[in-house]
Amino acid sequence: MLQHQEVSEEQFDENQIKQRLSQWRESDGSSAQMILQQLDLIHRMLPELKALGKELSSLTKTNN
């Protein structure tokens, strides 16, 4: 993971800047991929969660 570092403009040449931008793109890309995977998992779990909610709701109604 990238860490925040204080640097002056004089410490970078163009190749270093391109390399740093590439690292940020990779980090952003992997974050987006992780979010998509989590959303897919949630989507696949929705029917089970809905069934569980109905079951818990019916148990609550019978206990009252």
PDB file of N, CA and C in Angstrom:
ATOM      1  N   MET A   1       0.846  -1.171   0.000  1.00  0.00           N
ATOM      2  CA  MET A   1       0.000   0.000   0.000  1.00  0.00           C
ATOM      3  C   MET A   1       0.891   1.233   0.000  1.00  0.00           C
ATOM      4  N   LEU A   2       0.452   2.272  -0.682  1.00  0.00           N
ATOM      5  CA  LEU A   2       1.237   3.490  -0.775  1.00  0.00           C
ATOM      6  C   LEU A   2       1.147   4.280   0.519  1.00  0.00           C
ATOM      7  N   GLN A   3       2.264   4.851   0.918  1.00  0.00           N
ATOM      8  CA  GLN A   3       2.322   5.659   2.122  1.00  0.00           C
ATOM      9  C   GLN A   3       2.541   7.117   1.736  1.00  0.00           C
ATOM     10  N   HIS A   4       1.963   8.019   2.514  1.00  0.00           N
ATOM     11  CA  HIS A   4       2.141   9.453   2.276  1.00  0.00           C
ATOM     12  C   HIS A   4       3.558   9.842   2.662  1.00  0.00           C
ATOM     13  N   GLN A   5       4.233  10.542   1.758  1.00  0.00           N
ATOM     14  CA  GLN A   5       5.586  11.004   2.035  1.00  0.00           C
ATOM     15  C   GLN A   5       5.713  12.447   1.567  1.00  0.00           C
ATOM     16  N   GLU A   6       6.308  13.271   2.401  1.00  0.00           N
ATOM     17  CA  GLU A   6       6.576  14.646   2.014  1.00  0.00           C
ATOM     18  C   GLU A   6       7.836  14.662   1.155  1.00  0.00           C
ATOM     19  N   VAL A   7       7.744  15.281  -0.026  1.00  0.00           N
ATOM     20  CA  VAL A   7       8.902  15.377  -0.916  1.00  0.00           C
ATOM     21  C   VAL A   7       8.878  16.732  -1.603  1.00  0.00           C
ATOM     22  N   SER A   8      10.031  17.166  -2.023  1.00  0.00           N
ATOM     23  CA  SER A   8      10.094  18.408  -2.785  1.00  0.00           C
ATOM     24  C   SER A   8      10.041  18.076  -4.271  1.00  0.00           C
ATOM     25  N   GLU A   9       9.661  19.058  -5.076  1.00  0.00           N
ATOM     26  CA  GLU A   9       9.563  18.843  -6.518  1.00  0.00           C
ATOM     27  C   GLU A   9      10.914  18.502  -7.123  1.00  0.00           C
ATOM     28  N   GLU A  10      11.974  18.959  -6.519  1.00  0.00           N
ATOM     29  CA  GLU A  10      13.304  18.738  -7.055  1.00  0.00           C
ATOM     30  C   GLU A  10      13.740  17.280  -6.953  1.00  0.00           C
ATOM     31  N   GLN A  11      13.077  16.480  -6.119  1.00  0.00           N
ATOM     32  CA  GLN A  11      13.488  15.099  -5.916  1.00  0.00           C
ATOM     33  C   GLN A  11      12.979  14.154  -7.002  1.00  0.00           C
ATOM     34  N   PHE A  12      12.125  14.609  -7.899  1.00  0.00           N
ATOM     35  CA  PHE A  12      11.536  13.736  -8.910  1.00  0.00           C
ATOM     36  C   PHE A  12      11.992  14.122 -10.307  1.00  0.00           C
ATOM     37  N   ASP A  13      12.331  13.112 -11.075  1.00  0.00           N
ATOM     38  CA  ASP A  13      12.465  13.355 -12.499  1.00  0.00           C
ATOM     39  C   ASP A  13      11.225  12.776 -13.175  1.00  0.00           C
ATOM     40  N   GLU A  14      11.092  12.949 -14.462  1.00  0.00           N
ATOM     41  CA  GLU A  14       9.867  12.542 -15.158  1.00  0.00           C
ATOM     42  C   GLU A  14       9.616  11.040 -15.058  1.00  0.00           C
ATOM     43  N   ASN A  15      10.659  10.229 -15.113  1.00  0.00           N
ATOM     44  CA  ASN A  15      10.482   8.778 -15.003  1.00  0.00           C
ATOM     45  C   ASN A  15       9.941   8.384 -13.634  1.00  0.00           C
ATOM     46  N   GLN A  16      10.416   9.042 -12.597  1.00  0.00           N
ATOM     47  CA  GLN A  16       9.912   8.748 -11.257  1.00  0.00           C
ATOM     48  C   GLN A  16       8.440   9.136 -11.136  1.00  0.00           C
ATOM     49  N   ILE A  17       8.064  10.245 -11.745  1.00  0.00           N
ATOM     50  CA  ILE A  17       6.668  10.679 -11.704  1.00  0.00           C
ATOM     51  C   ILE A  17       5.785   9.666 -12.419  1.00  0.00           C
ATOM     52  N   LYS A  18       6.218   9.198 -13.600  1.00  0.00           N
ATOM     53  CA  LYS A  18       5.440   8.199 -14.341  1.00  0.00           C
ATOM     54  C   LYS A  18       5.320   6.905 -13.545  1.00  0.00           C
ATOM     55  N   GLN A  19       6.398   6.515 -12.883  1.00  0.00           N
ATOM     56  CA  GLN A  19       6.359   5.295 -12.072  1.00  0.00           C
ATOM     57  C   GLN A  19       5.374   5.463 -10.912  1.00  0.00           C
ATOM     58  N   ARG A  20       5.393   6.599 -10.253  1.00  0.00           N
ATOM     59  CA  ARG A  20       4.485   6.855  -9.131  1.00  0.00           C
ATOM     60  C   ARG A  20       3.033   6.858  -9.594  1.00  0.00           C
ATOM     61  N   LEU A  21       2.762   7.486 -10.738  1.00  0.00           N
ATOM     62  CA  LEU A  21       1.401   7.492 -11.281  1.00  0.00           C
ATOM     63  C   LEU A  21       0.939   6.086 -11.620  1.00  0.00           C
ATOM     64  N   SER A  22       1.844   5.276 -12.139  1.00  0.00           N
ATOM     65  CA  SER A  22       1.516   3.886 -12.459  1.00  0.00           C
ATOM     66  C   SER A  22       1.148   3.120 -11.192  1.00  0.00           C
ATOM     67  N   GLN A  23       1.877   3.343 -10.117  1.00  0.00           N
ATOM     68  CA  GLN A  23       1.575   2.679  -8.843  1.00  0.00           C
ATOM     69  C   GLN A  23       0.199   3.095  -8.341  1.00  0.00           C
ATOM     70  N   TRP A  24      -0.140   4.371  -8.458  1.00  0.00           N
ATOM     71  CA  TRP A  24      -1.451   4.843  -8.006  1.00  0.00           C
ATOM     72  C   TRP A  24      -2.562   4.213  -8.829  1.00  0.00           C
ATOM     73  N   ARG A  25      -2.345   4.103 -10.150  1.00  0.00           N
ATOM     74  CA  ARG A  25      -3.360   3.478 -11.004  1.00  0.00           C
ATOM     75  C   ARG A  25      -3.566   2.025 -10.607  1.00  0.00           C
ATOM     76  N   GLU A  26      -2.473   1.310 -10.337  1.00  0.00           N
ATOM     77  CA  GLU A  26      -2.583  -0.088  -9.920  1.00  0.00           C
ATOM     78  C   GLU A  26      -3.354  -0.185  -8.607  1.00  0.00           C
ATOM     79  N   SER A  27      -3.056   0.707  -7.671  1.00  0.00           N
ATOM     80  CA  SER A  27      -3.741   0.711  -6.383  1.00  0.00           C
ATOM     81  C   SER A  27      -5.227   0.996  -6.570  1.00  0.00           C
ATOM     82  N   ASP A  28      -5.557   1.995  -7.389  1.00  0.00           N
ATOM     83  CA  ASP A  28      -6.959   2.323  -7.660  1.00  0.00           C
ATOM     84  C   ASP A  28      -7.656   1.164  -8.352  1.00  0.00           C
ATOM     85  N   GLY A  29      -6.965   0.526  -9.290  1.00  0.00           N
ATOM     86  CA  GLY A  29      -7.545  -0.600 -10.010  1.00  0.00           C
ATOM     87  C   GLY A  29      -7.829  -1.777  -9.103  1.00  0.00           C
ATOM     88  N   SER A  30      -6.903  -2.066  -8.203  1.00  0.00           N
ATOM     89  CA  SER A  30      -7.122  -3.195  -7.299  1.00  0.00           C
ATOM     90  C   SER A  30      -8.229  -2.869  -6.297  1.00  0.00           C
ATOM     91  N   SER A  31      -8.348  -1.618  -5.887  1.00  0.00           N
ATOM     92  CA  SER A  31      -9.437  -1.219  -4.991  1.00  0.00           C
ATOM     93  C   SER A  31     -10.781  -1.373  -5.688  1.00  0.00           C
ATOM     94  N   ALA A  32     -10.850  -0.945  -6.937  1.00  0.00           N
ATOM     95  CA  ALA A  32     -12.095  -1.078  -7.694  1.00  0.00           C
ATOM     96  C   ALA A  32     -12.450  -2.543  -7.885  1.00  0.00           C
ATOM     97  N   GLN A  33     -11.452  -3.374  -8.167  1.00  0.00           N
ATOM     98  CA  GLN A  33     -11.696  -4.806  -8.344  1.00  0.00           C
ATOM     99  C   GLN A  33     -12.216  -5.419  -7.050  1.00  0.00           C
ATOM    100  N   MET A  34     -11.647  -5.031  -5.925  1.00  0.00           N
ATOM    101  CA  MET A  34     -12.089  -5.561  -4.642  1.00  0.00           C
ATOM    102  C   MET A  34     -13.543  -5.156  -4.360  1.00  0.00           C
ATOM    103  N   ILE A  35     -13.892  -3.920  -4.663  1.00  0.00           N
ATOM    104  CA  ILE A  35     -15.263  -3.453  -4.453  1.00  0.00           C
ATOM    105  C   ILE A  35     -16.234  -4.229  -5.329  1.00  0.00           C
ATOM    106  N   LEU A  36     -15.866  -4.468  -6.591  1.00  0.00           N
ATOM    107  CA  LEU A  36     -16.733  -5.241  -7.481  1.00  0.00           C
ATOM    108  C   LEU A  36     -16.923  -6.663  -6.973  1.00  0.00           C
ATOM    109  N   GLN A  37     -15.868  -7.259  -6.445  1.00  0.00           N
ATOM    110  CA  GLN A  37     -15.982  -8.608  -5.890  1.00  0.00           C
ATOM    111  C   GLN A  37     -16.915  -8.622  -4.681  1.00  0.00           C
ATOM    112  N   GLN A  38     -16.813  -7.609  -3.829  1.00  0.00           N
ATOM    113  CA  GLN A  38     -17.684  -7.532  -2.655  1.00  0.00           C
ATOM    114  C   GLN A  38     -19.141  -7.343  -3.064  1.00  0.00           C
ATOM    115  N   LEU A  39     -19.382  -6.501  -4.066  1.00  0.00           N
ATOM    116  CA  LEU A  39     -20.749  -6.293  -4.542  1.00  0.00           C
ATOM    117  C   LEU A  39     -21.322  -7.572  -5.144  1.00  0.00           C
ATOM    118  N   ASP A  40     -20.496  -8.317  -5.874  1.00  0.00           N
ATOM    119  CA  ASP A  40     -20.946  -9.584  -6.449  1.00  0.00           C
ATOM    120  C   ASP A  40     -21.317 -10.569  -5.346  1.00  0.00           C
ATOM    121  N   LEU A  41     -20.501 -10.634  -4.305  1.00  0.00           N
ATOM    122  CA  LEU A  41     -20.791 -11.524  -3.183  1.00  0.00           C
ATOM    123  C   LEU A  41     -22.105 -11.134  -2.500  1.00  0.00           C
ATOM    124  N   ILE A  42     -22.303  -9.853  -2.264  1.00  0.00           N
ATOM    125  CA  ILE A  42     -23.544  -9.380  -1.644  1.00  0.00           C
ATOM    126  C   ILE A  42     -24.738  -9.737  -2.523  1.00  0.00           C
ATOM    127  N   HIS A  43     -24.604  -9.523  -3.819  1.00  0.00           N
ATOM    128  CA  HIS A  43     -25.693  -9.838  -4.749  1.00  0.00           C
ATOM    129  C   HIS A  43     -26.055 -11.324  -4.683  1.00  0.00           C
ATOM    130  N   ARG A  44     -25.046 -12.187  -4.613  1.00  0.00           N
ATOM    131  CA  ARG A  44     -25.306 -13.626  -4.541  1.00  0.00           C
ATOM    132  C   ARG A  44     -25.907 -14.032  -3.198  1.00  0.00           C
ATOM    133  N   MET A  45     -25.656 -13.257  -2.151  1.00  0.00           N
ATOM    134  CA  MET A  45     -26.166 -13.588  -0.819  1.00  0.00           C
ATOM    135  C   MET A  45     -27.581 -13.066  -0.574  1.00  0.00           C
ATOM    136  N   LEU A  46     -28.072 -12.167  -1.406  1.00  0.00           N
ATOM    137  CA  LEU A  46     -29.379 -11.550  -1.169  1.00  0.00           C
ATOM    138  C   LEU A  46     -30.514 -12.556  -0.996  1.00  0.00           C
ATOM    139  N   PRO A  47     -30.644 -13.585  -1.836  1.00  0.00           N
ATOM    140  CA  PRO A  47     -31.745 -14.540  -1.617  1.00  0.00           C
ATOM    141  C   PRO A  47     -31.669 -15.220  -0.244  1.00  0.00           C
ATOM    142  N   GLU A  48     -30.471 -15.593   0.179  1.00  0.00           N
ATOM    143  CA  GLU A  48     -30.317 -16.221   1.493  1.00  0.00           C
ATOM    144  C   GLU A  48     -30.663 -15.249   2.610  1.00  0.00           C
ATOM    145  N   LEU A  49     -30.230 -14.009   2.473  1.00  0.00           N
ATOM    146  CA  LEU A  49     -30.532 -13.007   3.496  1.00  0.00           C
ATOM    147  C   LEU A  49     -32.030 -12.713   3.558  1.00  0.00           C
ATOM    148  N   LYS A  50     -32.675 -12.686   2.396  1.00  0.00           N
ATOM    149  CA  LYS A  50     -34.123 -12.464   2.362  1.00  0.00           C
ATOM    150  C   LYS A  50     -34.853 -13.616   3.049  1.00  0.00           C
ATOM    151  N   ALA A  51     -34.440 -14.854   2.764  1.00  0.00           N
ATOM    152  CA  ALA A  51     -35.061 -16.024   3.397  1.00  0.00           C
ATOM    153  C   ALA A  51     -34.835 -16.003   4.906  1.00  0.00           C
ATOM    154  N   LEU A  52     -33.634 -15.640   5.326  1.00  0.00           N
ATOM    155  CA  LEU A  52     -33.330 -15.549   6.753  1.00  0.00           C
ATOM    156  C   LEU A  52     -34.198 -14.483   7.417  1.00  0.00           C
ATOM    157  N   GLY A  53     -34.364 -13.347   6.751  1.00  0.00           N
ATOM    158  CA  GLY A  53     -35.214 -12.284   7.281  1.00  0.00           C
ATOM    159  C   GLY A  53     -36.652 -12.739   7.457  1.00  0.00           C
ATOM    160  N   LYS A  54     -37.172 -13.476   6.479  1.00  0.00           N
ATOM    161  CA  LYS A  54     -38.541 -14.001   6.591  1.00  0.00           C
ATOM    162  C   LYS A  54     -38.652 -14.973   7.755  1.00  0.00           C
ATOM    163  N   GLU A  55     -37.653 -15.837   7.898  1.00  0.00           N
ATOM    164  CA  GLU A  55     -37.664 -16.824   8.985  1.00  0.00           C
ATOM    165  C   GLU A  55     -37.639 -16.126  10.342  1.00  0.00           C
ATOM    166  N   LEU A  56     -36.770 -15.154  10.494  1.00  0.00           N
ATOM    167  CA  LEU A  56     -36.686 -14.424  11.763  1.00  0.00           C
ATOM    168  C   LEU A  56     -37.969 -13.643  12.030  1.00  0.00           C
ATOM    169  N   SER A  57     -38.545 -13.080  10.982  1.00  0.00           N
ATOM    170  CA  SER A  57     -39.796 -12.344  11.135  1.00  0.00           C
ATOM    171  C   SER A  57     -40.920 -13.264  11.598  1.00  0.00           C
ATOM    172  N   SER A  58     -40.991 -14.460  11.030  1.00  0.00           N
ATOM    173  CA  SER A  58     -42.048 -15.396  11.433  1.00  0.00           C
ATOM    174  C   SER A  58     -41.830 -15.883  12.863  1.00  0.00           C
ATOM    175  N   LEU A  59     -40.572 -16.060  13.276  1.00  0.00           N
ATOM    176  CA  LEU A  59     -40.288 -16.466  14.653  1.00  0.00           C
ATOM    177  C   LEU A  59     -40.685 -15.371  15.636  1.00  0.00           C
ATOM    178  N   THR A  60     -40.441 -14.132  15.265  1.00  0.00           N
ATOM    179  CA  THR A  60     -40.792 -13.005  16.123  1.00  0.00           C
ATOM    180  C   THR A  60     -42.304 -12.910  16.283  1.00  0.00           C
ATOM    181  N   LYS A  61     -43.041 -13.130  15.198  1.00  0.00           N
ATOM    182  CA  LYS A  61     -44.505 -13.049  15.249  1.00  0.00           C
ATOM    183  C   LYS A  61     -45.091 -14.156  16.115  1.00  0.00           C
ATOM    184  N   THR A  62     -44.500 -15.352  16.078  1.00  0.00           N
ATOM    185  CA  THR A  62     -45.035 -16.465  16.871  1.00  0.00           C
ATOM    186  C   THR A  62     -44.692 -16.320  18.345  1.00  0.00           C
ATOM    187  N   ASN A  63     -43.641 -15.589  18.665  1.00  0.00           N
ATOM    188  CA  ASN A  63     -43.242 -15.406  20.061  1.00  0.00           C
ATOM    189  C   ASN A  63     -43.999 -14.274  20.738  1.00  0.00           C
ATOM    190  N   ASN A  64     -44.683 -13.438  19.993  1.00  0.00           N
ATOM    191  CA  ASN A  64     -45.411 -12.296  20.590  1.00  0.00           C
ATOM    192  C   ASN A  64     -46.805 -12.643  20.931  1.00  0.00           C
TER     193      ASN A  64
END
